[in-house]
PDB file of N, CA and C in Angstrom:
ATOM      1  N   MET A   1    -126.751 -56.603 -17.672  1.00  0.00           N
ATOM      2  CA  MET A   1    -125.641 -57.462 -17.300  1.00  0.00           C
ATOM      3  C   MET A   1    -124.922 -56.873 -16.083  1.00  0.00           C
ATOM      4  N   SER A   2    -124.615 -57.707 -15.129  1.00  0.00           N
ATOM      5  CA  SER A   2    -123.973 -57.294 -13.894  1.00  0.00           C
ATOM      6  C   SER A   2    -122.525 -56.884 -14.140  1.00  0.00           C
ATOM      7  N   LYS A   3    -122.132 -55.793 -13.491  1.00  0.00           N
ATOM      8  CA  LYS A   3    -120.739 -55.327 -13.569  1.00  0.00           C
ATOM      9  C   LYS A   3    -119.935 -55.839 -12.379  1.00  0.00           C
ATOM     10  N   GLN A   4    -120.588 -56.582 -11.494  1.00  0.00           N
ATOM     11  CA  GLN A   4    -119.912 -57.121 -10.315  1.00  0.00           C
ATOM     12  C   GLN A   4    -118.862 -58.138 -10.740  1.00  0.00           C
ATOM     13  N   PRO A   5    -117.666 -58.086 -10.137  1.00  0.00           N
ATOM     14  CA  PRO A   5    -116.647 -59.076 -10.492  1.00  0.00           C
ATOM     15  C   PRO A   5    -117.111 -60.481 -10.119  1.00  0.00           C
ATOM     16  N   PHE A   6    -116.534 -61.480 -10.780  1.00  0.00           N
ATOM     17  CA  PHE A   6    -116.885 -62.851 -10.444  1.00  0.00           C
ATOM     18  C   PHE A   6    -115.654 -63.742 -10.490  1.00  0.00           C
ATOM     19  N   VAL A   7    -115.758 -64.813  -9.757  1.00  0.00           N
ATOM     20  CA  VAL A   7    -114.761 -65.875  -9.772  1.00  0.00           C
ATOM     21  C   VAL A   7    -115.384 -67.022 -10.541  1.00  0.00           C
ATOM     22  N   LEU A   8    -114.665 -67.510 -11.520  1.00  0.00           N
ATOM     23  CA  LEU A   8    -115.090 -68.699 -12.261  1.00  0.00           C
ATOM     24  C   LEU A   8    -114.155 -69.821 -11.860  1.00  0.00           C
ATOM     25  N   TYR A   9    -114.686 -70.797 -11.163  1.00  0.00           N
ATOM     26  CA  TYR A   9    -113.889 -71.930 -10.698  1.00  0.00           C
ATOM     27  C   TYR A   9    -114.248 -73.143 -11.538  1.00  0.00           C
ATOM     28  N   VAL A  10    -113.271 -73.666 -12.248  1.00  0.00           N
ATOM     29  CA  VAL A  10    -113.480 -74.858 -13.052  1.00  0.00           C
ATOM     30  C   VAL A  10    -113.004 -76.042 -12.218  1.00  0.00           C
ATOM     31  N   ALA A  11    -113.944 -76.868 -11.819  1.00  0.00           N
ATOM     32  CA  ALA A  11    -113.663 -77.998 -10.934  1.00  0.00           C
ATOM     33  C   ALA A  11    -113.823 -79.310 -11.686  1.00  0.00           C
ATOM     34  N   ASP A  12    -113.225 -80.335 -11.160  1.00  0.00           N
ATOM     35  CA  ASP A  12    -113.282 -81.659 -11.763  1.00  0.00           C
ATOM     36  C   ASP A  12    -113.469 -82.694 -10.668  1.00  0.00           C
ATOM     37  N   ALA A  13    -114.506 -83.489 -10.753  1.00  0.00           N
ATOM     38  CA  ALA A  13    -114.793 -84.509  -9.742  1.00  0.00           C
ATOM     39  C   ALA A  13    -113.673 -85.542  -9.631  1.00  0.00           C
ATOM     40  N   TYR A  14    -112.903 -85.730 -10.675  1.00  0.00           N
ATOM     41  CA  TYR A  14    -111.803 -86.691 -10.648  1.00  0.00           C
ATOM     42  C   TYR A  14    -110.532 -86.102 -10.042  1.00  0.00           C
ATOM     43  N   CYS A  15    -110.485 -84.801  -9.837  1.00  0.00           N
ATOM     44  CA  CYS A  15    -109.262 -84.117  -9.412  1.00  0.00           C
ATOM     45  C   CYS A  15    -109.192 -84.010  -7.891  1.00  0.00           C
ATOM     46  N   GLY A  16    -108.198 -84.623  -7.327  1.00  0.00           N
ATOM     47  CA  GLY A  16    -108.012 -84.577  -5.876  1.00  0.00           C
ATOM     48  C   GLY A  16    -107.756 -83.179  -5.359  1.00  0.00           C
ATOM     49  N   TRP A  17    -107.074 -82.366  -6.143  1.00  0.00           N
ATOM     50  CA  TRP A  17    -106.790 -80.995  -5.696  1.00  0.00           C
ATOM     51  C   TRP A  17    -108.067 -80.173  -5.672  1.00  0.00           C
ATOM     52  N   CYS A  18    -108.955 -80.378  -6.618  1.00  0.00           N
ATOM     53  CA  CYS A  18    -110.255 -79.695  -6.591  1.00  0.00           C
ATOM     54  C   CYS A  18    -111.038 -80.122  -5.357  1.00  0.00           C
ATOM     55  N   PHE A  19    -111.028 -81.405  -5.075  1.00  0.00           N
ATOM     56  CA  PHE A  19    -111.725 -81.953  -3.918  1.00  0.00           C
ATOM     57  C   PHE A  19    -111.132 -81.390  -2.619  1.00  0.00           C
ATOM     58  N   GLY A  20    -109.815 -81.408  -2.510  1.00  0.00           N
ATOM     59  CA  GLY A  20    -109.146 -80.951  -1.292  1.00  0.00           C
ATOM     60  C   GLY A  20    -109.294 -79.460  -1.052  1.00  0.00           C
ATOM     61  N   PHE A  21    -109.393 -78.696  -2.121  1.00  0.00           N
ATOM     62  CA  PHE A  21    -109.498 -77.249  -2.013  1.00  0.00           C
ATOM     63  C   PHE A  21    -110.927 -76.796  -1.729  1.00  0.00           C
ATOM     64  N   GLY A  22    -111.887 -77.686  -1.846  1.00  0.00           N
ATOM     65  CA  GLY A  22    -113.292 -77.350  -1.681  1.00  0.00           C
ATOM     66  C   GLY A  22    -113.640 -76.598  -0.408  1.00  0.00           C
ATOM     67  N   PRO A  23    -113.195 -77.043   0.767  1.00  0.00           N
ATOM     68  CA  PRO A  23    -113.554 -76.325   1.997  1.00  0.00           C
ATOM     69  C   PRO A  23    -113.063 -74.878   2.018  1.00  0.00           C
ATOM     70  N   ARG A  24    -111.866 -74.637   1.525  1.00  0.00           N
ATOM     71  CA  ARG A  24    -111.335 -73.266   1.496  1.00  0.00           C
ATOM     72  C   ARG A  24    -112.085 -72.411   0.475  1.00  0.00           C
ATOM     73  N   LEU A  25    -112.458 -73.018  -0.626  1.00  0.00           N
ATOM     74  CA  LEU A  25    -113.223 -72.302  -1.637  1.00  0.00           C
ATOM     75  C   LEU A  25    -114.582 -71.893  -1.083  1.00  0.00           C
ATOM     76  N   LYS A  26    -115.199 -72.773  -0.317  1.00  0.00           N
ATOM     77  CA  LYS A  26    -116.487 -72.469   0.309  1.00  0.00           C
ATOM     78  C   LYS A  26    -116.333 -71.314   1.302  1.00  0.00           C
ATOM     79  N   GLU A  27    -115.245 -71.307   2.062  1.00  0.00           N
ATOM     80  CA  GLU A  27    -114.987 -70.202   2.996  1.00  0.00           C
ATOM     81  C   GLU A  27    -114.878 -68.880   2.242  1.00  0.00           C
ATOM     82  N   PHE A  28    -114.163 -68.875   1.128  1.00  0.00           N
ATOM     83  CA  PHE A  28    -114.006 -67.665   0.327  1.00  0.00           C
ATOM     84  C   PHE A  28    -115.362 -67.184  -0.188  1.00  0.00           C
ATOM     85  N   GLU A  29    -116.133 -68.114  -0.726  1.00  0.00           N
ATOM     86  CA  GLU A  29    -117.440 -67.755  -1.286  1.00  0.00           C
ATOM     87  C   GLU A  29    -118.345 -67.188  -0.197  1.00  0.00           C
ATOM     88  N   THR A  30    -118.361 -67.812   0.959  1.00  0.00           N
ATOM     89  CA  THR A  30    -119.195 -67.350   2.061  1.00  0.00           C
ATOM     90  C   THR A  30    -118.779 -65.956   2.524  1.00  0.00           C
ATOM     91  N   ALA A  31    -117.491 -65.718   2.626  1.00  0.00           N
ATOM     92  CA  ALA A  31    -116.982 -64.433   3.110  1.00  0.00           C
ATOM     93  C   ALA A  31    -117.153 -63.303   2.092  1.00  0.00           C
ATOM     94  N   ASN A  32    -117.284 -63.645   0.813  1.00  0.00           N
ATOM     95  CA  ASN A  32    -117.291 -62.615  -0.226  1.00  0.00           C
ATOM     96  C   ASN A  32    -118.544 -62.582  -1.083  1.00  0.00           C
ATOM     97  N   ARG A  33    -119.566 -63.333  -0.731  1.00  0.00           N
ATOM     98  CA  ARG A  33    -120.738 -63.454  -1.611  1.00  0.00           C
ATOM     99  C   ARG A  33    -121.466 -62.138  -1.839  1.00  0.00           C
ATOM    100  N   ASP A  34    -121.289 -61.182  -0.951  1.00  0.00           N
ATOM    101  CA  ASP A  34    -121.954 -59.890  -1.153  1.00  0.00           C
ATOM    102  C   ASP A  34    -121.151 -58.967  -2.071  1.00  0.00           C
ATOM    103  N   ARG A  35    -119.907 -59.325  -2.378  1.00  0.00           N
ATOM    104  CA  ARG A  35    -119.050 -58.481  -3.217  1.00  0.00           C
ATOM    105  C   ARG A  35    -118.670 -59.104  -4.542  1.00  0.00           C
ATOM    106  N   VAL A  36    -118.682 -60.437  -4.599  1.00  0.00           N
ATOM    107  CA  VAL A  36    -118.180 -61.151  -5.768  1.00  0.00           C
ATOM    108  C   VAL A  36    -119.145 -62.287  -6.120  1.00  0.00           C
ATOM    109  N   ASP A  37    -119.526 -62.355  -7.386  1.00  0.00           N
ATOM    110  CA  ASP A  37    -120.311 -63.505  -7.845  1.00  0.00           C
ATOM    111  C   ASP A  37    -119.378 -64.700  -7.950  1.00  0.00           C
ATOM    112  N   PHE A  38    -119.911 -65.847  -7.654  1.00  0.00           N
ATOM    113  CA  PHE A  38    -119.109 -67.067  -7.677  1.00  0.00           C
ATOM    114  C   PHE A  38    -119.781 -68.070  -8.600  1.00  0.00           C
ATOM    115  N   ARG A  39    -119.053 -68.534  -9.589  1.00  0.00           N
ATOM    116  CA  ARG A  39    -119.595 -69.480 -10.571  1.00  0.00           C
ATOM    117  C   ARG A  39    -118.694 -70.701 -10.633  1.00  0.00           C
ATOM    118  N   VAL A  40    -119.307 -71.859 -10.731  1.00  0.00           N
ATOM    119  CA  VAL A  40    -118.562 -73.115 -10.822  1.00  0.00           C
ATOM    120  C   VAL A  40    -118.912 -73.785 -12.139  1.00  0.00           C
ATOM    121  N   LEU A  41    -117.901 -74.249 -12.807  1.00  0.00           N
ATOM    122  CA  LEU A  41    -118.055 -74.965 -14.066  1.00  0.00           C
ATOM    123  C   LEU A  41    -117.401 -76.329 -13.909  1.00  0.00           C
ATOM    124  N   SER A  42    -118.105 -77.363 -14.298  1.00  0.00           N
ATOM    125  CA  SER A  42    -117.544 -78.708 -14.220  1.00  0.00           C
ATOM    126  C   SER A  42    -116.626 -78.935 -15.422  1.00  0.00           C
ATOM    127  N   GLY A  43    -115.375 -79.197 -15.122  1.00  0.00           N
ATOM    128  CA  GLY A  43    -114.391 -79.501 -16.161  1.00  0.00           C
ATOM    129  C   GLY A  43    -114.079 -80.981 -16.129  1.00  0.00           C
ATOM    130  N   GLY A  44    -113.049 -81.407 -16.820  1.00  0.00           N
ATOM    131  CA  GLY A  44    -112.787 -82.836 -16.804  1.00  0.00           C
ATOM    132  C   GLY A  44    -111.388 -83.237 -17.189  1.00  0.00           C
ATOM    133  N   LEU A  45    -110.801 -84.121 -16.382  1.00  0.00           N
ATOM    134  CA  LEU A  45    -109.530 -84.742 -16.728  1.00  0.00           C
ATOM    135  C   LEU A  45    -109.756 -85.874 -17.724  1.00  0.00           C
ATOM    136  N   PHE A  46    -110.869 -86.561 -17.545  1.00  0.00           N
ATOM    137  CA  PHE A  46    -111.180 -87.702 -18.392  1.00  0.00           C
ATOM    138  C   PHE A  46    -112.422 -87.360 -19.220  1.00  0.00           C
ATOM    139  N   VAL A  47    -112.215 -87.099 -20.483  1.00  0.00           N
ATOM    140  CA  VAL A  47    -113.305 -86.717 -21.369  1.00  0.00           C
ATOM    141  C   VAL A  47    -113.365 -87.674 -22.559  1.00  0.00           C
ATOM    142  N   GLY A  48    -114.417 -87.561 -23.315  1.00  0.00           N
ATOM    143  CA  GLY A  48    -114.560 -88.394 -24.505  1.00  0.00           C
ATOM    144  C   GLY A  48    -114.615 -89.862 -24.144  1.00  0.00           C
ATOM    145  N   GLU A  49    -113.850 -90.677 -24.845  1.00  0.00           N
ATOM    146  CA  GLU A  49    -113.864 -92.122 -24.604  1.00  0.00           C
ATOM    147  C   GLU A  49    -113.279 -92.507 -23.252  1.00  0.00           C
ATOM    148  N   ARG A  50    -112.503 -91.616 -22.643  1.00  0.00           N
ATOM    149  CA  ARG A  50    -111.922 -91.901 -21.323  1.00  0.00           C
ATOM    150  C   ARG A  50    -112.895 -91.606 -20.186  1.00  0.00           C
ATOM    151  N   ALA A  51    -114.025 -90.982 -20.459  1.00  0.00           N
ATOM    152  CA  ALA A  51    -115.010 -90.666 -19.424  1.00  0.00           C
ATOM    153  C   ALA A  51    -115.659 -91.963 -18.941  1.00  0.00           C
ATOM    154  N   ARG A  52    -115.489 -92.245 -17.674  1.00  0.00           N
ATOM    155  CA  ARG A  52    -116.038 -93.441 -17.050  1.00  0.00           C
ATOM    156  C   ARG A  52    -116.530 -93.065 -15.651  1.00  0.00           C
ATOM    157  N   PRO A  53    -117.340 -93.913 -15.026  1.00  0.00           N
ATOM    158  CA  PRO A  53    -117.707 -93.656 -13.625  1.00  0.00           C
ATOM    159  C   PRO A  53    -116.447 -93.584 -12.764  1.00  0.00           C
ATOM    160  N   ILE A  54    -116.515 -92.795 -11.715  1.00  0.00           N
ATOM    161  CA  ILE A  54    -115.335 -92.613 -10.866  1.00  0.00           C
ATOM    162  C   ILE A  54    -114.861 -93.950 -10.283  1.00  0.00           C
ATOM    163  N   SER A  55    -115.762 -94.913 -10.131  1.00  0.00           N
ATOM    164  CA  SER A  55    -115.378 -96.238  -9.616  1.00  0.00           C
ATOM    165  C   SER A  55    -114.425 -96.967 -10.568  1.00  0.00           C
ATOM    166  N   HIS A  56    -114.362 -96.536 -11.817  1.00  0.00           N
ATOM    167  CA  HIS A  56    -113.444 -97.130 -12.789  1.00  0.00           C
ATOM    168  C   HIS A  56    -111.988 -96.739 -12.497  1.00  0.00           C
ATOM    169  N   TYR A  57    -111.806 -95.701 -11.709  1.00  0.00           N
ATOM    170  CA  TYR A  57    -110.485 -95.203 -11.347  1.00  0.00           C
ATOM    171  C   TYR A  57    -110.320 -95.341  -9.833  1.00  0.00           C
ATOM    172  N   PRO A  58    -110.028 -96.557  -9.326  1.00  0.00           N
ATOM    173  CA  PRO A  58    -110.028 -96.791  -7.879  1.00  0.00           C
ATOM    174  C   PRO A  58    -108.999 -95.967  -7.105  1.00  0.00           C
ATOM    175  N   HIS A  59    -107.960 -95.515  -7.763  1.00  0.00           N
ATOM    176  CA  HIS A  59    -106.943 -94.726  -7.060  1.00  0.00           C
ATOM    177  C   HIS A  59    -107.447 -93.333  -6.686  1.00  0.00           C
ATOM    178  N   ILE A  60    -108.494 -92.865  -7.316  1.00  0.00           N
ATOM    179  CA  ILE A  60    -108.950 -91.491  -7.106  1.00  0.00           C
ATOM    180  C   ILE A  60    -109.469 -91.281  -5.686  1.00  0.00           C
ATOM    181  N   ALA A  61    -110.253 -92.187  -5.163  1.00  0.00           N
ATOM    182  CA  ALA A  61    -110.803 -92.012  -3.810  1.00  0.00           C
ATOM    183  C   ALA A  61    -109.693 -91.906  -2.770  1.00  0.00           C
ATOM    184  N   GLU A  62    -108.694 -92.761  -2.851  1.00  0.00           N
ATOM    185  CA  GLU A  62    -107.578 -92.721  -1.897  1.00  0.00           C
ATOM    186  C   GLU A  62    -106.782 -91.439  -2.065  1.00  0.00           C
ATOM    187  N   ALA A  63    -106.517 -91.054  -3.294  1.00  0.00           N
ATOM    188  CA  ALA A  63    -105.757 -89.834  -3.546  1.00  0.00           C
ATOM    189  C   ALA A  63    -106.517 -88.611  -3.040  1.00  0.00           C
ATOM    190  N   ASN A  64    -107.822 -88.560  -3.269  1.00  0.00           N
ATOM    191  CA  ASN A  64    -108.625 -87.434  -2.782  1.00  0.00           C
ATOM    192  C   ASN A  64    -108.548 -87.331  -1.263  1.00  0.00           C
ATOM    193  N   ALA A  65    -108.651 -88.443  -0.573  1.00  0.00           N
ATOM    194  CA  ALA A  65    -108.583 -88.440   0.886  1.00  0.00           C
ATOM    195  C   ALA A  65    -107.213 -87.956   1.365  1.00  0.00           C
ATOM    196  N   ARG A  66    -106.162 -88.407   0.710  1.00  0.00           N
ATOM    197  CA  ARG A  66    -104.804 -88.004   1.084  1.00  0.00           C
ATOM    198  C   ARG A  66    -104.584 -86.512   0.850  1.00  0.00           C
ATOM    199  N   ILE A  67    -105.050 -86.025  -0.272  1.00  0.00           N
ATOM    200  CA  ILE A  67    -104.887 -84.612  -0.603  1.00  0.00           C
ATOM    201  C   ILE A  67    -105.710 -83.734   0.334  1.00  0.00           C
ATOM    202  N   ALA A  68    -106.933 -84.148   0.639  1.00  0.00           N
ATOM    203  CA  ALA A  68    -107.821 -83.340   1.475  1.00  0.00           C
ATOM    204  C   ALA A  68    -107.414 -83.338   2.935  1.00  0.00           C
ATOM    205  N   SER A  69    -106.706 -84.334   3.394  1.00  0.00           N
ATOM    206  CA  SER A  69    -106.381 -84.470   4.801  1.00  0.00           C
ATOM    207  C   SER A  69    -105.730 -83.227   5.406  1.00  0.00           C
ATOM    208  N   PRO A  70    -104.687 -82.651   4.818  1.00  0.00           N
ATOM    209  CA  PRO A  70    -104.093 -81.452   5.432  1.00  0.00           C
ATOM    210  C   PRO A  70    -105.071 -80.268   5.488  1.00  0.00           C
ATOM    211  N   TRP A  71    -105.934 -80.125   4.501  1.00  0.00           N
ATOM    212  CA  TRP A  71    -106.902 -79.029   4.476  1.00  0.00           C
ATOM    213  C   TRP A  71    -107.937 -79.218   5.567  1.00  0.00           C
ATOM    214  N   LEU A  72    -108.386 -80.451   5.728  1.00  0.00           N
ATOM    215  CA  LEU A  72    -109.446 -80.712   6.690  1.00  0.00           C
ATOM    216  C   LEU A  72    -108.949 -80.621   8.115  1.00  0.00           C
ATOM    217  N   ASN A  73    -107.654 -80.845   8.307  1.00  0.00           N
ATOM    218  CA  ASN A  73    -107.083 -80.803   9.651  1.00  0.00           C
ATOM    219  C   ASN A  73    -106.495 -79.448   9.990  1.00  0.00           C
ATOM    220  N   ALA A  74    -106.567 -78.491   9.068  1.00  0.00           N
ATOM    221  CA  ALA A  74    -105.984 -77.159   9.319  1.00  0.00           C
ATOM    222  C   ALA A  74    -106.886 -76.322  10.190  1.00  0.00           C
TER     223      ALA A  74
END
């Protein structure tokens, strides 16, 4: 078993903050991949009976774009 430290990132496709933070997370992983293991786990805001295709929640696409905009323009 590896003794190397790791980052466990629990992401959610429905979460605008997860989506918006993606580019910065990729930068971190790229800069540190030789020192830190990076693991991603898919989590969920909508689970069980509330789990539906993302198209069922039309506000999510607009919210993701709004949240990601400052990150993408930085």
